[in-house]
Amino acid sequence: MSRPLVALATLAFLVLGLAPIGLMLVRIGADDLAALVEPRAWTLLGRTLVVGGGAAGLALFVGLPFGFLTERMRLPLAGALGALGVVPLLMPPLVMAMTLTATTGMRGGAAIVVILGLSTFPLVALYTARGLRRIDARLVDAARLAGGVRAALRVQLPLVLPGALAAACFAFTLAINDFAVPDYVSSIGTKFPVYADEIFASWRSDKDTGRSVALALPIAVLTLCALVPALVLARATRSDTLGGDFRGAERLPLGSWSVPAFLLALGVVVLAVALPIGRLVWESGGGARGFELATMRAAFARALELARGNLQASLTYAVLAALAVAPLALVLGHALVQLSRRTRLAGLLVLVPVSVPAILFGIGGIVLWNRDATAAVYDSGAMAVLLFVGRFAPLAVLALAGGAAMLDPRLEEAARLAGAGPARRLVSIVAPPLLPALLAGMILVFVLTLRELDAAILVPAANDTVLFRLYNAVHFGRDDFVAALALLVVFFVALPVGLHAAFARRKLEVLP
């Protein structure tokens, strides 16, 4: 481990990821904390818990069987269904809210739970599929010989359940911190305010930093309480090594259940993918006025004309954030694995930027950078890049740490004995086998940056992103322009993942 490199990376993480939060914590006063015991605060907390628990429960209820069906069972088009099942995770939640509420007529808290549950069920499906791929075929074959397909399924369920529960915890954290979906659903129907709404309103009304931070403390605590067990459960499903005689299990026959199982998996894809995308296509072509291809072409032309600058800004920010995160994630991810068991607790600090509501992190960025000495940074697009790097670097670090944990430490030790210094070992020994994980971390940051709204909504430099343009447009009325712009956002968000799936030899592995 190169101490200068680790010190430099740690300093960058402290400034970009932790300083925005630390500067806000010191602004909390006694009067601000008193807001936490007000009846409204308890009501908001209860609603937020309902949203988080409901979304996580729905994600687990849908994602666990979907992962089994598409990864382990002999199902028609299983590979295609599994690939399409990832799309809701890539789609901005605001787009899901726009389409599902318009199509189903859902409103209120139930709509928020369903939208966020369908947006996050792919996490559970992905963790389930990963766990199934790591089960040796001999175990499955032995169970199947002893008790048939049901016994084979029963023996695999306990092995993948920790990963599925970890994903449900991640779904919970995403749901309780989401602002865009509750805000949109409340704007078109029954009001259902949650904590993220209150934080936004508190800052937007009177720029009260102390009250905004105090209101976010319960959500930050809840998020940490969910993230820590999530990472522990995720590691419980990860094999440190796979023996040379390891053999992946084959798909199991469904017999007479083949058609119902296929229809079940297909129904999930139709509801979570085809319905939202189809609704946008229909609206871009004229919607209720009558669908016409000419109208659709005109809508895309208008979207590209009016929002070209927003698309370019978002793509630029996403690419720069992904490139900036790469060296940071490589150094810190490797360092986390190298730390001793006692000092590894400091790795929990990595979780802090993603444990606070995104809106609060945006406010922290304003507090940190909106000053005379850094005015040039705050007023430029660099502010948006720094904001996204600080927010999403922890996820890339965890992805790299997961890959580094799989490396044989004897390789680096041999290089050290041969005289290679820490920096050379990192570049020559550690980095090459971690390139797939590094690419995955960069794609993850690119996708999250491109679809991020909550952290950017209050930061002026980030208001030129395409998702902010979409957020404003949809609140001023739904037309073919909004639908076409939403389809463009979905396309560019999914593009790197699709290219990786088409040309890469290995699956994209970004799960911690």
Foldseek 3Di string as FASTA:
>chain_A
DDVVLLVVLVVLLCQLAPQLLVVLVVLADPVLLVVCPDPVLVLQAVLLQCLLVLLLVLLLVQQQLLLCCLQFAPAVPSVVLLVLLLLLLLAFLLLLLVQCCVVVVDADSVSLNVSLNSSQSNQLSVLLNVLQQPDFQVVLVVQCVVPRPVSSVVVSCVLSVLLSLLSSLVSSLCRSQDDNNLVVRVLVDPRRHHLNVVLVCVCVPPNSSNNSSSSQVVQLVSNLVSNVSSVVSSVSSDDLDDDPPGDRHHHGYDPPCRVVSNVSSVVSSCSSPVSSLVSLQCQLQPHPVDGDVVSNVVLLVVLCVVLVQQAVLLLVLLLLLLVVLLSSLLSLLLVLLVDDPVVNVVVSVLCNLSSTRLLSLLSSLCVSQVDDVNVVCLQALVSLSSSLNNNQSSLLNPLLNVQSSSDDVVQLVVVVVVPDDPVCCSVPPVPPSCVLSSVLSSLVSSSCSLSDDNNQVPRVSSCSHLVNVLSVVVSVHRGSNSSSSSVVSSCVSCVVQVVCVVPPPDHRDSDD
